[in-house]
Every structure is written in structure tokens, then in C-alpha cells.
Amino acid sequence: MQYNDLLEILAEQFDCEPDDLTEDTDLTEDLGADELDATELAWNVGEGIGREVPQEDMAACRTVGDVWRYICENTWHTAQGSF
């Protein structure tokens, strides 16, 4: 998965443009994410990286950057790119 792939996932899920997202975009404050969104994001990220992502891991992520760091730390061989 590349960083742009994550931006596409988030843009689709939260009905915004990928260019509007930065590493500091707050999932709750800026995008209005709730518990259901964390579950959906865990599913979508899991599909992107080819492994199950626990919902509580995504719920602990506060920003786009947090989600990307989670991906990088948990999929060193598949995550490519940076902010």
C-alpha cells in the first residue's frame, strides 16, 4: 500500500478530496469519524494491506498520519512512500 492509496480510501469513506487530506487531518474533528467509521476504516485498510486490522487499532488513530504510521509499522514489506 502506498500513502496515496490511504488517501483514496479516506477520501472515499469520508466523501472528500484526497488533496484536502494531510498527515495532520484529525479523523474525528475534521472528518467526523465515529466508532462505526473506525470499524469501516479497519476493514478498508485491512483490504489494502492484505491482513486483518483490529477495529480498536484504528480507533486509537487520531490523524491521517497516525493511520499511515500504523500501516508502516505493521506492514513493513507492503507500505511505500511517505507524507
PDB file of N, CA and C in Angstrom:
ATOM      1  N   MET A   1       0.847  -1.176   0.000  1.00  0.00           N
ATOM      2  CA  MET A   1       0.000   0.000   0.000  1.00  0.00           C
ATOM      3  C   MET A   1       0.889   1.234   0.000  1.00  0.00           C
ATOM      4  N   GLN A   2       0.490   2.217  -0.749  1.00  0.00           N
ATOM      5  CA  GLN A   2       1.200   3.481  -0.772  1.00  0.00           C
ATOM      6  C   GLN A   2       0.360   4.546  -0.055  1.00  0.00           C
ATOM      7  N   TYR A   3       1.028   5.625   0.322  1.00  0.00           N
ATOM      8  CA  TYR A   3       0.346   6.705   1.044  1.00  0.00           C
ATOM      9  C   TYR A   3      -0.856   7.222   0.260  1.00  0.00           C
ATOM     10  N   ASN A   4      -0.703   7.362  -1.056  1.00  0.00           N
ATOM     11  CA  ASN A   4      -1.817   7.837  -1.879  1.00  0.00           C
ATOM     12  C   ASN A   4      -2.999   6.878  -1.850  1.00  0.00           C
ATOM     13  N   ASP A   5      -2.724   5.574  -1.698  1.00  0.00           N
ATOM     14  CA  ASP A   5      -3.807   4.601  -1.567  1.00  0.00           C
ATOM     15  C   ASP A   5      -4.617   4.873  -0.301  1.00  0.00           C
ATOM     16  N   LEU A   6      -3.909   5.183   0.782  1.00  0.00           N
ATOM     17  CA  LEU A   6      -4.598   5.513   2.029  1.00  0.00           C
ATOM     18  C   LEU A   6      -5.457   6.759   1.848  1.00  0.00           C
ATOM     19  N   LEU A   7      -4.911   7.773   1.192  1.00  0.00           N
ATOM     20  CA  LEU A   7      -5.683   8.994   0.967  1.00  0.00           C
ATOM     21  C   LEU A   7      -6.943   8.710   0.159  1.00  0.00           C
ATOM     22  N   GLU A   8      -6.839   7.826  -0.823  1.00  0.00           N
ATOM     23  CA  GLU A   8      -8.004   7.451  -1.633  1.00  0.00           C
ATOM     24  C   GLU A   8      -9.053   6.736  -0.779  1.00  0.00           C
ATOM     25  N   ILE A   9      -8.610   5.831   0.081  1.00  0.00           N
ATOM     26  CA  ILE A   9      -9.526   5.120   0.979  1.00  0.00           C
ATOM     27  C   ILE A   9     -10.260   6.118   1.873  1.00  0.00           C
ATOM     28  N   LEU A  10      -9.505   7.021   2.475  1.00  0.00           N
ATOM     29  CA  LEU A  10     -10.109   8.013   3.375  1.00  0.00           C
ATOM     30  C   LEU A  10     -11.039   8.948   2.628  1.00  0.00           C
ATOM     31  N   ALA A  11     -10.639   9.394   1.449  1.00  0.00           N
ATOM     32  CA  ALA A  11     -11.468  10.311   0.665  1.00  0.00           C
ATOM     33  C   ALA A  11     -12.798   9.664   0.293  1.00  0.00           C
ATOM     34  N   GLU A  12     -12.740   8.402  -0.087  1.00  0.00           N
ATOM     35  CA  GLU A  12     -13.975   7.703  -0.441  1.00  0.00           C
ATOM     36  C   GLU A  12     -14.857   7.497   0.782  1.00  0.00           C
ATOM     37  N   GLN A  13     -14.244   7.084   1.882  1.00  0.00           N
ATOM     38  CA  GLN A  13     -15.026   6.810   3.089  1.00  0.00           C
ATOM     39  C   GLN A  13     -15.655   8.078   3.666  1.00  0.00           C
ATOM     40  N   PHE A  14     -14.928   9.187   3.605  1.00  0.00           N
ATOM     41  CA  PHE A  14     -15.412  10.411   4.244  1.00  0.00           C
ATOM     42  C   PHE A  14     -15.895  11.459   3.254  1.00  0.00           C
ATOM     43  N   ASP A  15     -16.055  11.053   1.998  1.00  0.00           N
ATOM     44  CA  ASP A  15     -16.618  11.913   0.967  1.00  0.00           C
ATOM     45  C   ASP A  15     -15.908  13.271   0.892  1.00  0.00           C
ATOM     46  N   CYS A  16     -14.608  13.203   0.659  1.00  0.00           N
ATOM     47  CA  CYS A  16     -13.809  14.405   0.493  1.00  0.00           C
ATOM     48  C   CYS A  16     -12.780  14.148  -0.603  1.00  0.00           C
ATOM     49  N   GLU A  17     -11.967  15.133  -0.890  1.00  0.00           N
ATOM     50  CA  GLU A  17     -10.932  15.003  -1.908  1.00  0.00           C
ATOM     51  C   GLU A  17      -9.612  14.589  -1.252  1.00  0.00           C
ATOM     52  N   PRO A  18      -8.873  13.679  -1.878  1.00  0.00           N
ATOM     53  CA  PRO A  18      -7.579  13.278  -1.313  1.00  0.00           C
ATOM     54  C   PRO A  18      -6.644  14.467  -1.092  1.00  0.00           C
ATOM     55  N   ASP A  19      -6.709  15.465  -1.971  1.00  0.00           N
ATOM     56  CA  ASP A  19      -5.845  16.639  -1.843  1.00  0.00           C
ATOM     57  C   ASP A  19      -6.174  17.482  -0.611  1.00  0.00           C
ATOM     58  N   ASP A  20      -7.361  17.280  -0.040  1.00  0.00           N
ATOM     59  CA  ASP A  20      -7.757  18.026   1.160  1.00  0.00           C
ATOM     60  C   ASP A  20      -7.206  17.392   2.440  1.00  0.00           C
ATOM     61  N   LEU A  21      -6.625  16.211   2.324  1.00  0.00           N
ATOM     62  CA  LEU A  21      -6.131  15.482   3.487  1.00  0.00           C
ATOM     63  C   LEU A  21      -4.630  15.690   3.665  1.00  0.00           C
ATOM     64  N   THR A  22      -4.220  15.876   4.904  1.00  0.00           N
ATOM     65  CA  THR A  22      -2.804  15.983   5.246  1.00  0.00           C
ATOM     66  C   THR A  22      -2.530  15.007   6.385  1.00  0.00           C
ATOM     67  N   GLU A  23      -1.277  14.854   6.735  1.00  0.00           N
ATOM     68  CA  GLU A  23      -0.958  13.954   7.837  1.00  0.00           C
ATOM     69  C   GLU A  23      -1.561  14.442   9.153  1.00  0.00           C
ATOM     70  N   ASP A  24      -1.868  15.728   9.247  1.00  0.00           N
ATOM     71  CA  ASP A  24      -2.437  16.291  10.469  1.00  0.00           C
ATOM     72  C   ASP A  24      -3.960  16.333  10.480  1.00  0.00           C
ATOM     73  N   THR A  25      -4.593  15.889   9.409  1.00  0.00           N
ATOM     74  CA  THR A  25      -6.052  15.866   9.378  1.00  0.00           C
ATOM     75  C   THR A  25      -6.557  14.954  10.487  1.00  0.00           C
ATOM     76  N   ASP A  26      -7.376  15.509  11.361  1.00  0.00           N
ATOM     77  CA  ASP A  26      -7.916  14.766  12.501  1.00  0.00           C
ATOM     78  C   ASP A  26      -9.152  13.989  12.036  1.00  0.00           C
ATOM     79  N   LEU A  27      -9.134  12.695  12.270  1.00  0.00           N
ATOM     80  CA  LEU A  27     -10.227  11.852  11.802  1.00  0.00           C
ATOM     81  C   LEU A  27     -11.565  12.216  12.449  1.00  0.00           C
ATOM     82  N   THR A  28     -11.552  12.552  13.712  1.00  0.00           N
ATOM     83  CA  THR A  28     -12.788  12.886  14.412  1.00  0.00           C
ATOM     84  C   THR A  28     -13.168  14.345  14.205  1.00  0.00           C
ATOM     85  N   GLU A  29     -12.239  15.240  14.500  1.00  0.00           N
ATOM     86  CA  GLU A  29     -12.520  16.677  14.432  1.00  0.00           C
ATOM     87  C   GLU A  29     -12.779  17.156  13.001  1.00  0.00           C
ATOM     88  N   ASP A  30     -11.930  16.744  12.078  1.00  0.00           N
ATOM     89  CA  ASP A  30     -12.021  17.247  10.700  1.00  0.00           C
ATOM     90  C   ASP A  30     -12.927  16.415   9.797  1.00  0.00           C
ATOM     91  N   LEU A  31     -12.957  15.101  10.019  1.00  0.00           N
ATOM     92  CA  LEU A  31     -13.719  14.229   9.128  1.00  0.00           C
ATOM     93  C   LEU A  31     -14.997  13.685   9.761  1.00  0.00           C
ATOM     94  N   GLY A  32     -15.161  13.888  11.052  1.00  0.00           N
ATOM     95  CA  GLY A  32     -16.377  13.450  11.731  1.00  0.00           C
ATOM     96  C   GLY A  32     -16.447  11.952  11.985  1.00  0.00           C
ATOM     97  N   ALA A  33     -15.304  11.286  12.080  1.00  0.00           N
ATOM     98  CA  ALA A  33     -15.279   9.837  12.278  1.00  0.00           C
ATOM     99  C   ALA A  33     -15.863   9.462  13.635  1.00  0.00           C
ATOM    100  N   ASP A  34     -16.590   8.351  13.627  1.00  0.00           N
ATOM    101  CA  ASP A  34     -17.120   7.793  14.870  1.00  0.00           C
ATOM    102  C   ASP A  34     -16.693   6.323  14.965  1.00  0.00           C
ATOM    103  N   GLU A  35     -17.249   5.599  15.912  1.00  0.00           N
ATOM    104  CA  GLU A  35     -16.855   4.207  16.129  1.00  0.00           C
ATOM    105  C   GLU A  35     -17.136   3.339  14.897  1.00  0.00           C
ATOM    106  N   LEU A  36     -18.247   3.568  14.253  1.00  0.00           N
ATOM    107  CA  LEU A  36     -18.573   2.813  13.043  1.00  0.00           C
ATOM    108  C   LEU A  36     -17.560   3.102  11.934  1.00  0.00           C
ATOM    109  N   ASP A  37     -17.142   4.358  11.824  1.00  0.00           N
ATOM    110  CA  ASP A  37     -16.132   4.718  10.831  1.00  0.00           C
ATOM    111  C   ASP A  37     -14.804   4.022  11.106  1.00  0.00           C
ATOM    112  N   ALA A  38     -14.447   3.878  12.378  1.00  0.00           N
ATOM    113  CA  ALA A  38     -13.207   3.189  12.732  1.00  0.00           C
ATOM    114  C   ALA A  38     -13.270   1.728  12.294  1.00  0.00           C
ATOM    115  N   THR A  39     -14.435   1.116  12.452  1.00  0.00           N
ATOM    116  CA  THR A  39     -14.619  -0.268  12.020  1.00  0.00           C
ATOM    117  C   THR A  39     -14.484  -0.372  10.505  1.00  0.00           C
ATOM    118  N   GLU A  40     -15.125   0.546   9.789  1.00  0.00           N
ATOM    119  CA  GLU A  40     -15.043   0.545   8.331  1.00  0.00           C
ATOM    120  C   GLU A  40     -13.615   0.830   7.860  1.00  0.00           C
ATOM    121  N   LEU A  41     -12.941   1.762   8.520  1.00  0.00           N
ATOM    122  CA  LEU A  41     -11.568   2.081   8.156  1.00  0.00           C
ATOM    123  C   LEU A  41     -10.654   0.877   8.398  1.00  0.00           C
ATOM    124  N   ALA A  42     -10.868   0.174   9.503  1.00  0.00           N
ATOM    125  CA  ALA A  42     -10.077  -1.026   9.778  1.00  0.00           C
ATOM    126  C   ALA A  42     -10.271  -2.051   8.664  1.00  0.00           C
ATOM    127  N   TRP A  43     -11.495  -2.220   8.223  1.00  0.00           N
ATOM    128  CA  TRP A  43     -11.787  -3.152   7.134  1.00  0.00           C
ATOM    129  C   TRP A  43     -11.094  -2.700   5.849  1.00  0.00           C
ATOM    130  N   ASN A  44     -11.245  -1.425   5.501  1.00  0.00           N
ATOM    131  CA  ASN A  44     -10.669  -0.906   4.253  1.00  0.00           C
ATOM    132  C   ASN A  44      -9.143  -0.956   4.249  1.00  0.00           C
ATOM    133  N   VAL A  45      -8.536  -0.588   5.353  1.00  0.00           N
ATOM    134  CA  VAL A  45      -7.075  -0.655   5.452  1.00  0.00           C
ATOM    135  C   VAL A  45      -6.628  -2.115   5.397  1.00  0.00           C
ATOM    136  N   GLY A  46      -7.350  -2.979   6.092  1.00  0.00           N
ATOM    137  CA  GLY A  46      -7.030  -4.397   6.057  1.00  0.00           C
ATOM    138  C   GLY A  46      -7.072  -4.967   4.648  1.00  0.00           C
ATOM    139  N   GLU A  47      -8.070  -4.566   3.885  1.00  0.00           N
ATOM    140  CA  GLU A  47      -8.152  -4.992   2.484  1.00  0.00           C
ATOM    141  C   GLU A  47      -6.948  -4.488   1.702  1.00  0.00           C
ATOM    142  N   GLY A  48      -6.530  -3.266   1.991  1.00  0.00           N
ATOM    143  CA  GLY A  48      -5.410  -2.666   1.280  1.00  0.00           C
ATOM    144  C   GLY A  48      -4.067  -3.294   1.589  1.00  0.00           C
ATOM    145  N   ILE A  49      -3.916  -3.772   2.820  1.00  0.00           N
ATOM    146  CA  ILE A  49      -2.625  -4.344   3.207  1.00  0.00           C
ATOM    147  C   ILE A  49      -2.632  -5.866   3.229  1.00  0.00           C
ATOM    148  N   GLY A  50      -3.799  -6.456   3.017  1.00  0.00           N
ATOM    149  CA  GLY A  50      -3.871  -7.902   2.938  1.00  0.00           C
ATOM    150  C   GLY A  50      -3.804  -8.627   4.262  1.00  0.00           C
ATOM    151  N   ARG A  51      -4.240  -7.955   5.323  1.00  0.00           N
ATOM    152  CA  ARG A  51      -4.286  -8.612   6.632  1.00  0.00           C
ATOM    153  C   ARG A  51      -5.330  -7.927   7.493  1.00  0.00           C
ATOM    154  N   GLU A  52      -5.810  -8.638   8.475  1.00  0.00           N
ATOM    155  CA  GLU A  52      -6.839  -8.105   9.353  1.00  0.00           C
ATOM    156  C   GLU A  52      -6.277  -6.993  10.230  1.00  0.00           C
ATOM    157  N   VAL A  53      -7.043  -5.926  10.355  1.00  0.00           N
ATOM    158  CA  VAL A  53      -6.670  -4.809  11.216  1.00  0.00           C
ATOM    159  C   VAL A  53      -7.739  -4.698  12.307  1.00  0.00           C
ATOM    160  N   PRO A  54      -7.360  -4.820  13.568  1.00  0.00           N
ATOM    161  CA  PRO A  54      -8.340  -4.701  14.648  1.00  0.00           C
ATOM    162  C   PRO A  54      -8.975  -3.302  14.684  1.00  0.00           C
ATOM    163  N   GLN A  55     -10.270  -3.269  14.878  1.00  0.00           N
ATOM    164  CA  GLN A  55     -11.008  -2.003  14.930  1.00  0.00           C
ATOM    165  C   GLN A  55     -10.437  -1.097  16.002  1.00  0.00           C
ATOM    166  N   GLU A  56     -10.030  -1.664  17.129  1.00  0.00           N
ATOM    167  CA  GLU A  56      -9.504  -0.831  18.217  1.00  0.00           C
ATOM    168  C   GLU A  56      -8.187  -0.159  17.830  1.00  0.00           C
ATOM    169  N   ASP A  57      -7.436  -0.770  16.926  1.00  0.00           N
ATOM    170  CA  ASP A  57      -6.202  -0.134  16.443  1.00  0.00           C
ATOM    171  C   ASP A  57      -6.526   1.114  15.637  1.00  0.00           C
ATOM    172  N   MET A  58      -7.545   1.031  14.786  1.00  0.00           N
ATOM    173  CA  MET A  58      -7.934   2.211  14.004  1.00  0.00           C
ATOM    174  C   MET A  58      -8.593   3.252  14.900  1.00  0.00           C
ATOM    175  N   ALA A  59      -9.345   2.813  15.897  1.00  0.00           N
ATOM    176  CA  ALA A  59      -9.982   3.752  16.822  1.00  0.00           C
ATOM    177  C   ALA A  59      -8.943   4.543  17.601  1.00  0.00           C
ATOM    178  N   ALA A  60      -7.757   3.959  17.807  1.00  0.00           N
ATOM    179  CA  ALA A  60      -6.688   4.646  18.532  1.00  0.00           C
ATOM    180  C   ALA A  60      -5.969   5.681  17.668  1.00  0.00           C
ATOM    181  N   CYS A  61      -6.154   5.606  16.365  1.00  0.00           N
ATOM    182  CA  CYS A  61      -5.520   6.565  15.451  1.00  0.00           C
ATOM    183  C   CYS A  61      -6.336   7.851  15.434  1.00  0.00           C
ATOM    184  N   ARG A  62      -5.669   8.954  15.679  1.00  0.00           N
ATOM    185  CA  ARG A  62      -6.358  10.245  15.726  1.00  0.00           C
ATOM    186  C   ARG A  62      -6.249  11.029  14.417  1.00  0.00           C
ATOM    187  N   THR A  63      -5.158  10.841  13.692  1.00  0.00           N
ATOM    188  CA  THR A  63      -4.927  11.626  12.474  1.00  0.00           C
ATOM    189  C   THR A  63      -4.615  10.701  11.297  1.00  0.00           C
ATOM    190  N   VAL A  64      -4.615  11.267  10.108  1.00  0.00           N
ATOM    191  CA  VAL A  64      -4.212  10.526   8.916  1.00  0.00           C
ATOM    192  C   VAL A  64      -2.784  10.007   9.107  1.00  0.00           C
ATOM    193  N   GLY A  65      -1.924  10.829   9.667  1.00  0.00           N
ATOM    194  CA  GLY A  65      -0.547  10.421   9.925  1.00  0.00           C
ATOM    195  C   GLY A  65      -0.467   9.227  10.856  1.00  0.00           C
ATOM    196  N   ASP A  66      -1.335   9.178  11.858  1.00  0.00           N
ATOM    197  CA  ASP A  66      -1.365   8.030  12.775  1.00  0.00           C
ATOM    198  C   ASP A  66      -1.727   6.754  12.030  1.00  0.00           C
ATOM    199  N   VAL A  67      -2.700   6.850  11.126  1.00  0.00           N
ATOM    200  CA  VAL A  67      -3.099   5.675  10.351  1.00  0.00           C
ATOM    201  C   VAL A  67      -1.942   5.225   9.472  1.00  0.00           C
ATOM    202  N   TRP A  68      -1.249   6.172   8.820  1.00  0.00           N
ATOM    203  CA  TRP A  68      -0.129   5.811   7.954  1.00  0.00           C
ATOM    204  C   TRP A  68       1.002   5.177   8.768  1.00  0.00           C
ATOM    205  N   ARG A  69       1.300   5.733   9.947  1.00  0.00           N
ATOM    206  CA  ARG A  69       2.341   5.144  10.791  1.00  0.00           C
ATOM    207  C   ARG A  69       1.958   3.720  11.201  1.00  0.00           C
ATOM    208  N   TYR A  70       0.677   3.522  11.512  1.00  0.00           N
ATOM    209  CA  TYR A  70       0.210   2.175  11.856  1.00  0.00           C
ATOM    210  C   TYR A  70       0.470   1.220  10.693  1.00  0.00           C
ATOM    211  N   ILE A  71       0.118   1.648   9.499  1.00  0.00           N
ATOM    212  CA  ILE A  71       0.333   0.809   8.312  1.00  0.00           C
ATOM    213  C   ILE A  71       1.817   0.501   8.152  1.00  0.00           C
ATOM    214  N   CYS A  72       2.650   1.522   8.237  1.00  0.00           N
ATOM    215  CA  CYS A  72       4.094   1.329   8.058  1.00  0.00           C
ATOM    216  C   CYS A  72       4.682   0.408   9.121  1.00  0.00           C
ATOM    217  N   GLU A  73       4.246   0.556  10.358  1.00  0.00           N
ATOM    218  CA  GLU A  73       4.787  -0.251  11.453  1.00  0.00           C
ATOM    219  C   GLU A  73       4.312  -1.699  11.400  1.00  0.00           C
ATOM    220  N   ASN A  74       3.170  -1.928  10.770  1.00  0.00           N
ATOM    221  CA  ASN A  74       2.600  -3.271  10.763  1.00  0.00           C
ATOM    222  C   ASN A  74       2.695  -3.991   9.426  1.00  0.00           C
ATOM    223  N   THR A  75       3.236  -3.328   8.431  1.00  0.00           N
ATOM    224  CA  THR A  75       3.357  -3.945   7.102  1.00  0.00           C
ATOM    225  C   THR A  75       4.615  -3.448   6.427  1.00  0.00           C
ATOM    226  N   TRP A  76       5.750  -3.586   7.058  1.00  0.00           N
ATOM    227  CA  TRP A  76       6.998  -3.022   6.552  1.00  0.00           C
ATOM    228  C   TRP A  76       7.270  -3.407   5.112  1.00  0.00           C
ATOM    229  N   HIS A  77       6.811  -4.551   4.667  1.00  0.00           N
ATOM    230  CA  HIS A  77       7.117  -5.014   3.321  1.00  0.00           C
ATOM    231  C   HIS A  77       6.123  -4.534   2.266  1.00  0.00           C
ATOM    232  N   THR A  78       4.979  -3.945   2.686  1.00  0.00           N
ATOM    233  CA  THR A  78       3.993  -3.533   1.695  1.00  0.00           C
ATOM    234  C   THR A  78       3.745  -2.035   1.665  1.00  0.00           C
ATOM    235  N   ALA A  79       4.054  -1.319   2.727  1.00  0.00           N
ATOM    236  CA  ALA A  79       3.808   0.121   2.764  1.00  0.00           C
ATOM    237  C   ALA A  79       4.954   0.860   2.091  1.00  0.00           C
ATOM    238  N   GLN A  80       4.601   1.753   1.182  1.00  0.00           N
ATOM    239  CA  GLN A  80       5.614   2.508   0.452  1.00  0.00           C
ATOM    240  C   GLN A  80       5.236   3.977   0.416  1.00  0.00           C
ATOM    241  N   GLY A  81       6.228   4.816   0.524  1.00  0.00           N
ATOM    242  CA  GLY A  81       6.001   6.247   0.409  1.00  0.00           C
ATOM    243  C   GLY A  81       5.980   6.921   1.760  1.00  0.00           C
ATOM    244  N   SER A  82       5.769   8.206   1.723  1.00  0.00           N
ATOM    245  CA  SER A  82       5.735   8.973   2.954  1.00  0.00           C
ATOM    246  C   SER A  82       4.772  10.123   2.782  1.00  0.00           C
ATOM    247  N   PHE A  83       4.662  10.914   3.816  1.00  0.00           N
ATOM    248  CA  PHE A  83       3.762  12.067   3.791  1.00  0.00           C
ATOM    249  C   PHE A  83       4.190  13.024   2.718  1.00  0.00           C
TER     250      PHE A  83
END
